[in-house]
N, C-alpha and C. Protein backbone atom coordinates (compact mmCIF):
# COMPACT_ATOMS: atom_id res chain seq x y z
N GLU A 1 13.05 -1.40 1.76
CA GLU A 1 11.62 -1.65 1.86
C GLU A 1 11.27 -2.46 3.11
N GLU A 2 12.08 -3.43 3.43
CA GLU A 2 11.73 -4.38 4.49
C GLU A 2 11.49 -3.74 5.86
N PRO A 3 12.35 -2.80 6.33
CA PRO A 3 12.06 -2.20 7.65
C PRO A 3 10.71 -1.48 7.69
N ALA A 4 10.34 -0.78 6.63
CA ALA A 4 9.06 -0.08 6.60
C ALA A 4 7.89 -1.06 6.56
N ILE A 5 8.03 -2.14 5.80
CA ILE A 5 6.98 -3.16 5.73
C ILE A 5 6.78 -3.79 7.11
N ARG A 6 7.89 -4.10 7.78
CA ARG A 6 7.79 -4.67 9.14
C ARG A 6 7.05 -3.71 10.08
N GLU A 7 7.35 -2.44 9.96
CA GLU A 7 6.70 -1.43 10.80
C GLU A 7 5.19 -1.39 10.52
N MET A 8 4.81 -1.47 9.25
CA MET A 8 3.38 -1.47 8.90
C MET A 8 2.69 -2.71 9.45
N ILE A 9 3.34 -3.86 9.33
CA ILE A 9 2.76 -5.11 9.85
C ILE A 9 2.58 -5.01 11.36
N THR A 10 3.59 -4.48 12.05
CA THR A 10 3.54 -4.36 13.50
C THR A 10 2.36 -3.50 13.97
N HIS A 11 2.07 -2.43 13.25
CA HIS A 11 1.05 -1.48 13.70
C HIS A 11 -0.28 -1.58 12.95
N GLY A 12 -0.39 -2.50 11.99
CA GLY A 12 -1.60 -2.60 11.18
C GLY A 12 -2.71 -3.47 11.74
N GLY A 13 -2.47 -4.14 12.87
CA GLY A 13 -3.51 -4.97 13.48
C GLY A 13 -3.91 -6.17 12.65
N PHE A 14 -2.97 -6.75 11.94
CA PHE A 14 -3.28 -7.85 11.03
C PHE A 14 -3.71 -9.13 11.75
N ARG A 15 -3.26 -9.32 12.97
CA ARG A 15 -3.64 -10.55 13.70
C ARG A 15 -5.14 -10.58 14.03
N GLN A 16 -5.80 -9.42 13.98
CA GLN A 16 -7.24 -9.35 14.23
C GLN A 16 -8.05 -9.17 12.95
N ALA A 17 -7.41 -9.19 11.81
CA ALA A 17 -8.09 -8.92 10.54
C ALA A 17 -8.99 -10.08 10.12
N HIS A 18 -10.08 -9.74 9.45
CA HIS A 18 -11.00 -10.74 8.89
C HIS A 18 -10.90 -10.80 7.37
N ALA A 19 -10.59 -9.66 6.74
CA ALA A 19 -10.49 -9.60 5.28
C ALA A 19 -9.54 -8.46 4.90
N VAL A 20 -8.53 -8.80 4.10
CA VAL A 20 -7.49 -7.85 3.71
C VAL A 20 -7.54 -7.65 2.20
N PHE A 21 -7.48 -6.39 1.78
CA PHE A 21 -7.42 -6.05 0.35
C PHE A 21 -6.09 -5.35 0.10
N GLU A 22 -5.34 -5.83 -0.90
CA GLU A 22 -4.07 -5.20 -1.25
C GLU A 22 -4.14 -4.66 -2.66
N PHE A 23 -3.82 -3.38 -2.81
CA PHE A 23 -3.78 -2.72 -4.12
C PHE A 23 -2.33 -2.71 -4.59
N GLY A 24 -2.07 -3.32 -5.75
CA GLY A 24 -0.71 -3.37 -6.29
C GLY A 24 0.13 -4.41 -5.57
N LEU A 25 -0.31 -5.68 -5.62
CA LEU A 25 0.36 -6.71 -4.84
C LEU A 25 1.69 -7.18 -5.41
N GLY A 26 2.01 -6.80 -6.63
CA GLY A 26 3.30 -7.20 -7.20
C GLY A 26 3.45 -8.71 -7.25
N THR A 27 4.55 -9.22 -6.72
CA THR A 27 4.84 -10.66 -6.77
C THR A 27 4.09 -11.46 -5.72
N GLY A 28 3.39 -10.78 -4.81
CA GLY A 28 2.65 -11.48 -3.77
C GLY A 28 3.47 -11.80 -2.53
N ARG A 29 4.67 -11.23 -2.46
CA ARG A 29 5.55 -11.53 -1.32
C ARG A 29 4.96 -11.07 0.01
N LEU A 30 4.38 -9.87 0.04
CA LEU A 30 3.76 -9.40 1.28
C LEU A 30 2.55 -10.25 1.63
N ALA A 31 1.73 -10.58 0.65
CA ALA A 31 0.55 -11.42 0.90
C ALA A 31 0.97 -12.77 1.47
N GLU A 32 2.01 -13.35 0.91
CA GLU A 32 2.52 -14.64 1.41
C GLU A 32 2.95 -14.51 2.88
N LYS A 33 3.64 -13.44 3.19
CA LYS A 33 4.10 -13.22 4.57
C LYS A 33 2.90 -13.03 5.50
N LEU A 34 1.93 -12.22 5.10
CA LEU A 34 0.75 -11.99 5.94
C LEU A 34 -0.03 -13.28 6.15
N LEU A 35 -0.32 -14.00 5.07
CA LEU A 35 -1.10 -15.24 5.18
C LEU A 35 -0.35 -16.31 5.98
N GLY A 36 0.95 -16.38 5.80
CA GLY A 36 1.74 -17.42 6.45
C GLY A 36 2.08 -17.15 7.90
N GLN A 37 2.18 -15.87 8.29
CA GLN A 37 2.68 -15.56 9.63
C GLN A 37 1.79 -14.68 10.50
N TYR A 38 0.90 -13.89 9.91
CA TYR A 38 0.21 -12.87 10.70
C TYR A 38 -1.31 -12.95 10.69
N LEU A 39 -1.90 -13.35 9.59
CA LEU A 39 -3.36 -13.33 9.51
C LEU A 39 -3.96 -14.56 10.16
N PRO A 40 -5.11 -14.41 10.83
CA PRO A 40 -5.80 -15.58 11.39
C PRO A 40 -6.21 -16.54 10.28
N SER A 41 -6.41 -17.79 10.63
CA SER A 41 -6.71 -18.82 9.62
C SER A 41 -8.04 -18.59 8.91
N TYR A 42 -8.92 -17.78 9.47
CA TYR A 42 -10.21 -17.49 8.84
C TYR A 42 -10.15 -16.25 7.94
N CYS A 43 -9.05 -15.51 7.97
CA CYS A 43 -8.95 -14.25 7.24
C CYS A 43 -8.85 -14.48 5.74
N LEU A 44 -9.62 -13.70 4.98
CA LEU A 44 -9.57 -13.74 3.52
C LEU A 44 -8.65 -12.64 3.02
N TYR A 45 -8.03 -12.89 1.88
CA TYR A 45 -7.11 -11.93 1.27
C TYR A 45 -7.49 -11.77 -0.19
N GLN A 46 -7.53 -10.53 -0.65
CA GLN A 46 -7.71 -10.26 -2.08
C GLN A 46 -6.70 -9.22 -2.49
N GLY A 47 -6.03 -9.48 -3.61
CA GLY A 47 -5.06 -8.54 -4.13
C GLY A 47 -5.29 -8.29 -5.60
N VAL A 48 -4.96 -7.07 -6.04
CA VAL A 48 -5.08 -6.73 -7.45
C VAL A 48 -3.79 -6.09 -7.93
N ASP A 49 -3.52 -6.28 -9.22
CA ASP A 49 -2.39 -5.65 -9.88
C ASP A 49 -2.76 -5.48 -11.34
N PHE A 50 -2.15 -4.50 -12.01
CA PHE A 50 -2.46 -4.30 -13.42
C PHE A 50 -1.56 -5.13 -14.34
N SER A 51 -0.52 -5.72 -13.79
CA SER A 51 0.42 -6.53 -14.57
C SER A 51 0.01 -8.00 -14.56
N GLN A 52 -0.24 -8.54 -15.74
CA GLN A 52 -0.61 -9.96 -15.83
C GLN A 52 0.53 -10.86 -15.34
N ALA A 53 1.77 -10.44 -15.57
CA ALA A 53 2.92 -11.23 -15.11
C ALA A 53 2.95 -11.28 -13.58
N MET A 54 2.71 -10.14 -12.93
CA MET A 54 2.70 -10.10 -11.46
C MET A 54 1.53 -10.92 -10.91
N VAL A 55 0.39 -10.84 -11.55
CA VAL A 55 -0.78 -11.61 -11.11
C VAL A 55 -0.47 -13.10 -11.20
N ALA A 56 0.17 -13.53 -12.29
CA ALA A 56 0.52 -14.95 -12.45
C ALA A 56 1.50 -15.39 -11.36
N LEU A 57 2.52 -14.58 -11.08
CA LEU A 57 3.48 -14.90 -10.02
C LEU A 57 2.79 -14.98 -8.66
N SER A 58 1.91 -14.02 -8.39
CA SER A 58 1.20 -13.99 -7.10
C SER A 58 0.29 -15.20 -6.94
N ARG A 59 -0.43 -15.54 -7.99
CA ARG A 59 -1.33 -16.70 -7.91
C ARG A 59 -0.54 -17.96 -7.58
N GLN A 60 0.60 -18.12 -8.22
CA GLN A 60 1.44 -19.29 -7.95
C GLN A 60 1.95 -19.26 -6.51
N ARG A 61 2.41 -18.11 -6.07
CA ARG A 61 2.95 -17.98 -4.72
C ARG A 61 1.89 -18.22 -3.65
N LEU A 62 0.64 -17.82 -3.91
CA LEU A 62 -0.42 -17.91 -2.91
C LEU A 62 -1.27 -19.16 -3.04
N GLU A 63 -0.89 -20.04 -3.94
CA GLU A 63 -1.63 -21.29 -4.15
C GLU A 63 -1.86 -22.09 -2.86
N PRO A 64 -0.90 -22.16 -1.94
CA PRO A 64 -1.11 -22.94 -0.71
C PRO A 64 -2.32 -22.46 0.13
N TRP A 65 -2.77 -21.23 -0.08
CA TRP A 65 -3.90 -20.72 0.70
C TRP A 65 -5.23 -20.87 -0.03
N GLY A 66 -5.20 -21.49 -1.18
CA GLY A 66 -6.41 -21.85 -1.91
C GLY A 66 -7.48 -20.78 -1.96
N HIS A 67 -8.66 -21.12 -1.49
CA HIS A 67 -9.82 -20.23 -1.58
C HIS A 67 -9.70 -18.98 -0.71
N ARG A 68 -8.76 -18.95 0.23
CA ARG A 68 -8.59 -17.77 1.09
C ARG A 68 -7.92 -16.61 0.37
N ALA A 69 -7.22 -16.90 -0.73
CA ALA A 69 -6.45 -15.87 -1.42
C ALA A 69 -6.93 -15.72 -2.87
N LEU A 70 -7.48 -14.56 -3.18
CA LEU A 70 -7.96 -14.25 -4.53
C LEU A 70 -7.08 -13.16 -5.11
N VAL A 71 -6.57 -13.40 -6.32
CA VAL A 71 -5.72 -12.43 -7.00
C VAL A 71 -6.35 -12.12 -8.35
N GLN A 72 -6.49 -10.82 -8.65
CA GLN A 72 -7.12 -10.42 -9.89
C GLN A 72 -6.28 -9.39 -10.63
N CYS A 73 -6.40 -9.40 -11.95
CA CYS A 73 -5.75 -8.40 -12.80
C CYS A 73 -6.76 -7.27 -13.05
N THR A 74 -6.29 -6.04 -12.94
CA THR A 74 -7.16 -4.89 -13.19
C THR A 74 -6.77 -4.23 -14.51
N ASP A 75 -7.56 -3.26 -14.91
CA ASP A 75 -7.28 -2.54 -16.16
C ASP A 75 -6.29 -1.40 -15.96
N GLY A 76 -5.74 -1.27 -14.76
CA GLY A 76 -4.80 -0.18 -14.48
C GLY A 76 -5.45 1.01 -13.79
N GLY A 77 -6.78 0.99 -13.69
CA GLY A 77 -7.48 2.06 -12.99
C GLY A 77 -7.52 1.80 -11.50
N VAL A 78 -8.15 2.71 -10.78
CA VAL A 78 -8.21 2.57 -9.32
C VAL A 78 -9.60 2.20 -8.82
N THR A 79 -10.55 1.96 -9.71
CA THR A 79 -11.86 1.48 -9.29
C THR A 79 -11.70 0.02 -8.88
N LEU A 80 -12.14 -0.32 -7.68
CA LEU A 80 -11.89 -1.65 -7.13
C LEU A 80 -13.10 -2.56 -7.32
N PRO A 81 -12.84 -3.82 -7.72
CA PRO A 81 -13.91 -4.75 -8.09
C PRO A 81 -14.54 -5.47 -6.89
N VAL A 82 -14.88 -4.72 -5.84
CA VAL A 82 -15.45 -5.33 -4.64
C VAL A 82 -16.57 -4.46 -4.08
N GLY A 83 -17.39 -5.06 -3.21
CA GLY A 83 -18.52 -4.36 -2.62
C GLY A 83 -18.13 -3.40 -1.50
N ASP A 84 -19.07 -2.57 -1.12
CA ASP A 84 -18.87 -1.60 -0.04
C ASP A 84 -18.71 -2.31 1.30
N GLY A 85 -17.80 -1.81 2.13
CA GLY A 85 -17.65 -2.28 3.51
C GLY A 85 -17.31 -3.75 3.65
N THR A 86 -16.52 -4.30 2.73
CA THR A 86 -16.23 -5.73 2.76
C THR A 86 -14.86 -6.10 3.34
N TYR A 87 -14.00 -5.13 3.57
CA TYR A 87 -12.65 -5.42 4.06
C TYR A 87 -12.36 -4.60 5.31
N ASP A 88 -11.56 -5.17 6.21
CA ASP A 88 -11.18 -4.39 7.40
C ASP A 88 -9.72 -3.93 7.36
N ARG A 89 -9.00 -4.31 6.33
CA ARG A 89 -7.65 -3.76 6.10
C ARG A 89 -7.51 -3.48 4.60
N PHE A 90 -6.98 -2.30 4.29
CA PHE A 90 -6.65 -1.93 2.91
C PHE A 90 -5.16 -1.65 2.91
N VAL A 91 -4.42 -2.36 2.07
CA VAL A 91 -2.96 -2.27 2.05
C VAL A 91 -2.48 -1.77 0.69
N ALA A 92 -1.54 -0.83 0.71
CA ALA A 92 -0.86 -0.39 -0.51
C ALA A 92 0.57 -0.04 -0.12
N THR A 93 1.52 -0.78 -0.66
CA THR A 93 2.92 -0.54 -0.33
C THR A 93 3.70 -0.19 -1.60
N TYR A 94 4.34 0.95 -1.57
CA TYR A 94 5.17 1.43 -2.67
C TYR A 94 4.44 1.40 -4.01
N VAL A 95 3.21 1.87 -4.01
CA VAL A 95 2.45 1.93 -5.26
C VAL A 95 1.85 3.32 -5.49
N LEU A 96 1.53 4.03 -4.42
CA LEU A 96 0.93 5.36 -4.58
C LEU A 96 1.89 6.34 -5.26
N GLU A 97 3.19 6.11 -5.12
CA GLU A 97 4.21 6.99 -5.71
C GLU A 97 4.15 7.03 -7.23
N ILE A 98 3.59 6.00 -7.84
CA ILE A 98 3.53 5.98 -9.31
C ILE A 98 2.19 6.50 -9.84
N LEU A 99 1.25 6.76 -8.94
CA LEU A 99 -0.07 7.26 -9.35
C LEU A 99 -0.06 8.78 -9.49
N THR A 100 -0.96 9.29 -10.32
CA THR A 100 -1.14 10.74 -10.41
C THR A 100 -1.85 11.22 -9.15
N GLU A 101 -1.85 12.53 -8.93
CA GLU A 101 -2.55 13.08 -7.77
C GLU A 101 -4.02 12.72 -7.80
N GLU A 102 -4.63 12.79 -8.98
CA GLU A 102 -6.05 12.45 -9.12
C GLU A 102 -6.29 10.97 -8.78
N GLN A 103 -5.39 10.10 -9.25
CA GLN A 103 -5.53 8.67 -8.95
C GLN A 103 -5.38 8.39 -7.45
N ILE A 104 -4.47 9.10 -6.79
CA ILE A 104 -4.30 8.93 -5.34
C ILE A 104 -5.60 9.30 -4.63
N ARG A 105 -6.16 10.44 -5.00
CA ARG A 105 -7.43 10.88 -4.39
C ARG A 105 -8.54 9.86 -4.64
N ASP A 106 -8.65 9.39 -5.89
CA ASP A 106 -9.69 8.41 -6.24
C ASP A 106 -9.49 7.10 -5.49
N LEU A 107 -8.23 6.68 -5.34
CA LEU A 107 -7.96 5.43 -4.63
C LEU A 107 -8.34 5.55 -3.15
N LEU A 108 -8.07 6.69 -2.55
CA LEU A 108 -8.45 6.88 -1.15
C LEU A 108 -9.97 6.87 -0.97
N ILE A 109 -10.69 7.38 -1.96
CA ILE A 109 -12.16 7.31 -1.93
C ILE A 109 -12.60 5.85 -2.03
N GLU A 110 -11.98 5.10 -2.93
CA GLU A 110 -12.30 3.67 -3.09
C GLU A 110 -11.96 2.88 -1.82
N ALA A 111 -10.81 3.18 -1.23
CA ALA A 111 -10.41 2.48 0.00
C ALA A 111 -11.45 2.71 1.09
N ARG A 112 -11.90 3.93 1.23
CA ARG A 112 -12.93 4.24 2.23
C ARG A 112 -14.21 3.46 1.92
N ARG A 113 -14.56 3.37 0.66
CA ARG A 113 -15.79 2.67 0.26
C ARG A 113 -15.74 1.19 0.63
N ILE A 114 -14.60 0.54 0.41
CA ILE A 114 -14.56 -0.91 0.64
C ILE A 114 -14.22 -1.29 2.08
N LEU A 115 -13.74 -0.32 2.88
CA LEU A 115 -13.40 -0.62 4.27
C LEU A 115 -14.64 -0.63 5.16
N THR A 116 -14.60 -1.49 6.17
CA THR A 116 -15.62 -1.46 7.21
C THR A 116 -15.43 -0.17 8.02
N THR A 117 -16.42 0.20 8.81
CA THR A 117 -16.33 1.45 9.57
C THR A 117 -15.17 1.45 10.57
N ASP A 118 -14.77 0.27 11.04
CA ASP A 118 -13.63 0.20 11.96
C ASP A 118 -12.36 -0.31 11.27
N GLY A 119 -12.36 -0.29 9.94
CA GLY A 119 -11.22 -0.78 9.16
C GLY A 119 -10.03 0.16 9.22
N ALA A 120 -8.90 -0.32 8.69
CA ALA A 120 -7.66 0.46 8.72
C ALA A 120 -7.02 0.51 7.34
N LEU A 121 -6.55 1.68 7.00
CA LEU A 121 -5.78 1.93 5.79
C LEU A 121 -4.32 1.77 6.18
N CYS A 122 -3.61 0.84 5.54
CA CYS A 122 -2.22 0.53 5.90
C CYS A 122 -1.34 0.84 4.69
N LEU A 123 -0.55 1.90 4.77
CA LEU A 123 0.21 2.39 3.62
C LEU A 123 1.69 2.47 3.92
N VAL A 124 2.49 2.21 2.88
CA VAL A 124 3.92 2.47 2.92
C VAL A 124 4.26 3.14 1.60
N ASN A 125 4.96 4.26 1.66
CA ASN A 125 5.31 4.98 0.44
C ASN A 125 6.63 5.71 0.61
N LEU A 126 7.24 6.06 -0.52
CA LEU A 126 8.41 6.92 -0.49
C LEU A 126 7.96 8.31 -0.08
N THR A 127 8.74 8.96 0.76
CA THR A 127 8.40 10.32 1.17
C THR A 127 9.66 11.16 1.22
N PHE A 128 9.51 12.39 1.61
CA PHE A 128 10.63 13.31 1.68
C PHE A 128 11.40 13.10 2.97
N GLY A 129 12.72 13.18 2.87
CA GLY A 129 13.57 13.02 4.03
C GLY A 129 13.40 14.15 5.02
N GLU A 130 13.79 13.89 6.27
CA GLU A 130 13.65 14.90 7.32
C GLU A 130 15.00 15.40 7.82
N GLY A 131 16.07 14.67 7.54
CA GLY A 131 17.41 15.11 7.91
C GLY A 131 18.13 15.66 6.69
N ALA A 132 19.31 16.22 6.89
CA ALA A 132 20.05 16.87 5.80
C ALA A 132 20.32 15.90 4.64
N LEU A 133 20.89 14.73 4.93
CA LEU A 133 21.22 13.78 3.87
C LEU A 133 19.95 13.25 3.19
N THR A 134 18.95 12.90 3.97
CA THR A 134 17.73 12.34 3.38
C THR A 134 16.95 13.38 2.59
N LYS A 135 17.02 14.65 3.01
CA LYS A 135 16.39 15.73 2.22
C LYS A 135 17.09 15.86 0.87
N LEU A 136 18.41 15.75 0.88
CA LEU A 136 19.18 15.82 -0.36
C LEU A 136 18.81 14.66 -1.28
N VAL A 137 18.74 13.46 -0.73
CA VAL A 137 18.40 12.27 -1.53
C VAL A 137 17.00 12.41 -2.12
N SER A 138 16.03 12.81 -1.31
CA SER A 138 14.66 12.91 -1.83
C SER A 138 14.52 14.05 -2.84
N SER A 139 15.26 15.13 -2.67
CA SER A 139 15.24 16.22 -3.65
C SER A 139 15.84 15.76 -4.98
N ALA A 140 16.95 15.02 -4.90
CA ALA A 140 17.56 14.48 -6.12
C ALA A 140 16.61 13.50 -6.80
N TRP A 141 15.96 12.67 -6.01
CA TRP A 141 15.00 11.70 -6.56
C TRP A 141 13.86 12.44 -7.27
N GLN A 142 13.34 13.48 -6.63
CA GLN A 142 12.25 14.26 -7.22
C GLN A 142 12.69 14.92 -8.53
N TRP A 143 13.90 15.45 -8.55
CA TRP A 143 14.43 16.06 -9.77
C TRP A 143 14.56 15.02 -10.88
N LEU A 144 15.11 13.85 -10.55
CA LEU A 144 15.22 12.77 -11.54
C LEU A 144 13.85 12.36 -12.07
N HIS A 145 12.88 12.31 -11.20
CA HIS A 145 11.52 11.95 -11.63
C HIS A 145 10.98 12.96 -12.64
N ARG A 146 11.28 14.24 -12.43
CA ARG A 146 10.81 15.27 -13.37
C ARG A 146 11.54 15.16 -14.71
N VAL A 147 12.84 14.88 -14.66
CA VAL A 147 13.67 14.87 -15.86
C VAL A 147 13.61 13.52 -16.59
N ARG A 148 13.76 12.44 -15.86
CA ARG A 148 13.81 11.08 -16.44
C ARG A 148 13.06 10.13 -15.52
N PRO A 149 11.73 10.13 -15.55
CA PRO A 149 10.95 9.31 -14.62
C PRO A 149 11.28 7.81 -14.69
N LEU A 150 11.66 7.32 -15.86
CA LEU A 150 11.97 5.89 -15.98
C LEU A 150 13.21 5.51 -15.18
N TRP A 151 14.12 6.45 -14.97
CA TRP A 151 15.33 6.16 -14.20
C TRP A 151 15.01 5.82 -12.75
N VAL A 152 13.87 6.30 -12.26
CA VAL A 152 13.47 6.00 -10.88
C VAL A 152 12.19 5.15 -10.86
N GLY A 153 11.98 4.41 -11.94
CA GLY A 153 10.84 3.50 -12.00
C GLY A 153 9.49 4.19 -11.99
N GLY A 154 9.46 5.48 -12.34
CA GLY A 154 8.21 6.22 -12.34
C GLY A 154 7.76 6.66 -10.96
N CYS A 155 8.56 6.35 -9.95
CA CYS A 155 8.21 6.67 -8.55
C CYS A 155 8.77 8.03 -8.16
N ARG A 156 8.08 8.69 -7.23
CA ARG A 156 8.60 9.92 -6.67
C ARG A 156 8.16 10.02 -5.21
N PRO A 157 8.93 10.73 -4.38
CA PRO A 157 8.52 10.91 -2.99
C PRO A 157 7.22 11.72 -2.94
N ILE A 158 6.32 11.33 -2.05
CA ILE A 158 5.06 12.05 -1.88
C ILE A 158 4.77 12.26 -0.40
N ARG A 159 3.95 13.26 -0.13
CA ARG A 159 3.46 13.51 1.23
C ARG A 159 1.99 13.12 1.25
N LEU A 160 1.68 12.00 1.86
CA LEU A 160 0.31 11.49 1.86
C LEU A 160 -0.62 12.21 2.83
N LYS A 161 -0.06 12.85 3.83
CA LYS A 161 -0.89 13.46 4.87
C LYS A 161 -1.94 14.40 4.28
N LYS A 162 -1.55 15.22 3.31
CA LYS A 162 -2.51 16.18 2.74
C LYS A 162 -3.68 15.47 2.07
N TYR A 163 -3.41 14.37 1.38
CA TYR A 163 -4.48 13.62 0.72
C TYR A 163 -5.41 12.98 1.76
N LEU A 164 -4.82 12.47 2.81
CA LEU A 164 -5.62 11.82 3.85
C LEU A 164 -6.52 12.83 4.56
N LEU A 165 -5.98 13.99 4.86
CA LEU A 165 -6.77 15.01 5.54
C LEU A 165 -7.89 15.53 4.63
N GLU A 166 -7.59 15.68 3.32
CA GLU A 166 -8.60 16.10 2.35
C GLU A 166 -9.80 15.17 2.34
N HIS A 167 -9.54 13.89 2.54
CA HIS A 167 -10.60 12.88 2.43
C HIS A 167 -11.05 12.37 3.79
N ASN A 168 -10.78 13.17 4.83
CA ASN A 168 -11.32 12.93 6.16
C ASN A 168 -10.88 11.60 6.78
N TRP A 169 -9.61 11.25 6.60
CA TRP A 169 -9.03 10.10 7.29
C TRP A 169 -8.40 10.60 8.58
N ARG A 170 -8.39 9.77 9.58
CA ARG A 170 -7.72 10.07 10.86
C ARG A 170 -6.45 9.23 10.91
N ILE A 171 -5.31 9.89 10.92
CA ILE A 171 -4.03 9.18 10.98
C ILE A 171 -3.81 8.73 12.42
N VAL A 172 -3.73 7.42 12.63
CA VAL A 172 -3.53 6.90 13.98
C VAL A 172 -2.06 6.52 14.22
N TYR A 173 -1.30 6.38 13.14
CA TYR A 173 0.12 6.06 13.28
C TYR A 173 0.84 6.54 12.03
N ARG A 174 1.94 7.25 12.23
CA ARG A 174 2.80 7.66 11.13
C ARG A 174 4.23 7.55 11.60
N TYR A 175 5.06 6.93 10.79
CA TYR A 175 6.44 6.76 11.19
C TYR A 175 7.34 6.76 9.95
N PRO A 176 8.32 7.67 9.90
CA PRO A 176 9.28 7.64 8.79
C PRO A 176 10.37 6.61 9.06
N VAL A 177 10.73 5.87 8.05
CA VAL A 177 11.78 4.85 8.15
C VAL A 177 12.81 5.17 7.07
N THR A 178 14.07 5.32 7.47
CA THR A 178 15.12 5.63 6.51
C THR A 178 16.09 4.47 6.40
N ALA A 179 16.37 4.09 5.17
CA ALA A 179 17.37 3.05 4.89
C ALA A 179 18.17 3.50 3.67
N PHE A 180 19.48 3.51 3.79
CA PHE A 180 20.38 3.88 2.69
C PHE A 180 20.05 5.27 2.13
N GLY A 181 19.65 6.19 3.01
CA GLY A 181 19.37 7.56 2.61
C GLY A 181 17.99 7.79 2.00
N ILE A 182 17.22 6.73 1.83
CA ILE A 182 15.88 6.83 1.24
C ILE A 182 14.84 6.71 2.35
N THR A 183 13.92 7.65 2.40
CA THR A 183 12.92 7.68 3.46
C THR A 183 11.58 7.15 2.97
N SER A 184 11.05 6.21 3.72
CA SER A 184 9.71 5.68 3.49
C SER A 184 8.83 6.16 4.64
N GLU A 185 7.54 6.19 4.39
CA GLU A 185 6.58 6.62 5.40
C GLU A 185 5.57 5.50 5.61
N VAL A 186 5.39 5.13 6.87
CA VAL A 186 4.39 4.12 7.24
C VAL A 186 3.21 4.88 7.82
N ILE A 187 2.02 4.65 7.28
CA ILE A 187 0.82 5.32 7.77
C ILE A 187 -0.27 4.30 8.01
N ILE A 188 -0.87 4.38 9.19
CA ILE A 188 -2.09 3.63 9.50
C ILE A 188 -3.15 4.70 9.74
N ALA A 189 -4.25 4.62 9.00
CA ALA A 189 -5.31 5.63 9.12
C ALA A 189 -6.66 4.94 9.21
N LYS A 190 -7.59 5.63 9.83
CA LYS A 190 -8.96 5.11 10.00
C LYS A 190 -9.94 6.10 9.38
N PRO A 191 -11.06 5.60 8.87
CA PRO A 191 -12.09 6.52 8.37
C PRO A 191 -12.66 7.32 9.53
N ARG A 192 -12.97 8.59 9.31
CA ARG A 192 -13.63 9.42 10.35
C ARG A 192 -15.11 9.19 10.29
């Protein structure tokens, strides 16, 4: 995960961000890194997760940033509890893989709604490999997901490009990152 996250941070323009929204923040590790090392001191951060345990861990981890960091628990849906055009970065790392196709589409609509016109969609997800070994690994992963989804944490490799093009996003950066035979995809996209 770490090489792909680094790649997203490098190309996501976080040093110029004013307000960041993260969908599926988990333990808050990425938020802590962004707030501590990359975001300007005036930048606000909001993250949501459907797990109360993850929200509690994140709140504790982000306590040093006080009012700048808001963490909320959601009902598990993809409707976001914020106003239109309020964030200039939308982040989702390793979470779209567990959503249904309909949820991915709905989340991209929501991301567009909450982003400013010059905002950026910053995504990292599992994707299909491009070399012989990585194609084999991603095919095996996909098969396991069909047969025993819990064995792979409910995640499966996805190709986000088709969803982004369907919803009129302009991909400004895409880079596959492979570690231990598993391929992740870093995407930075802008609303058209």
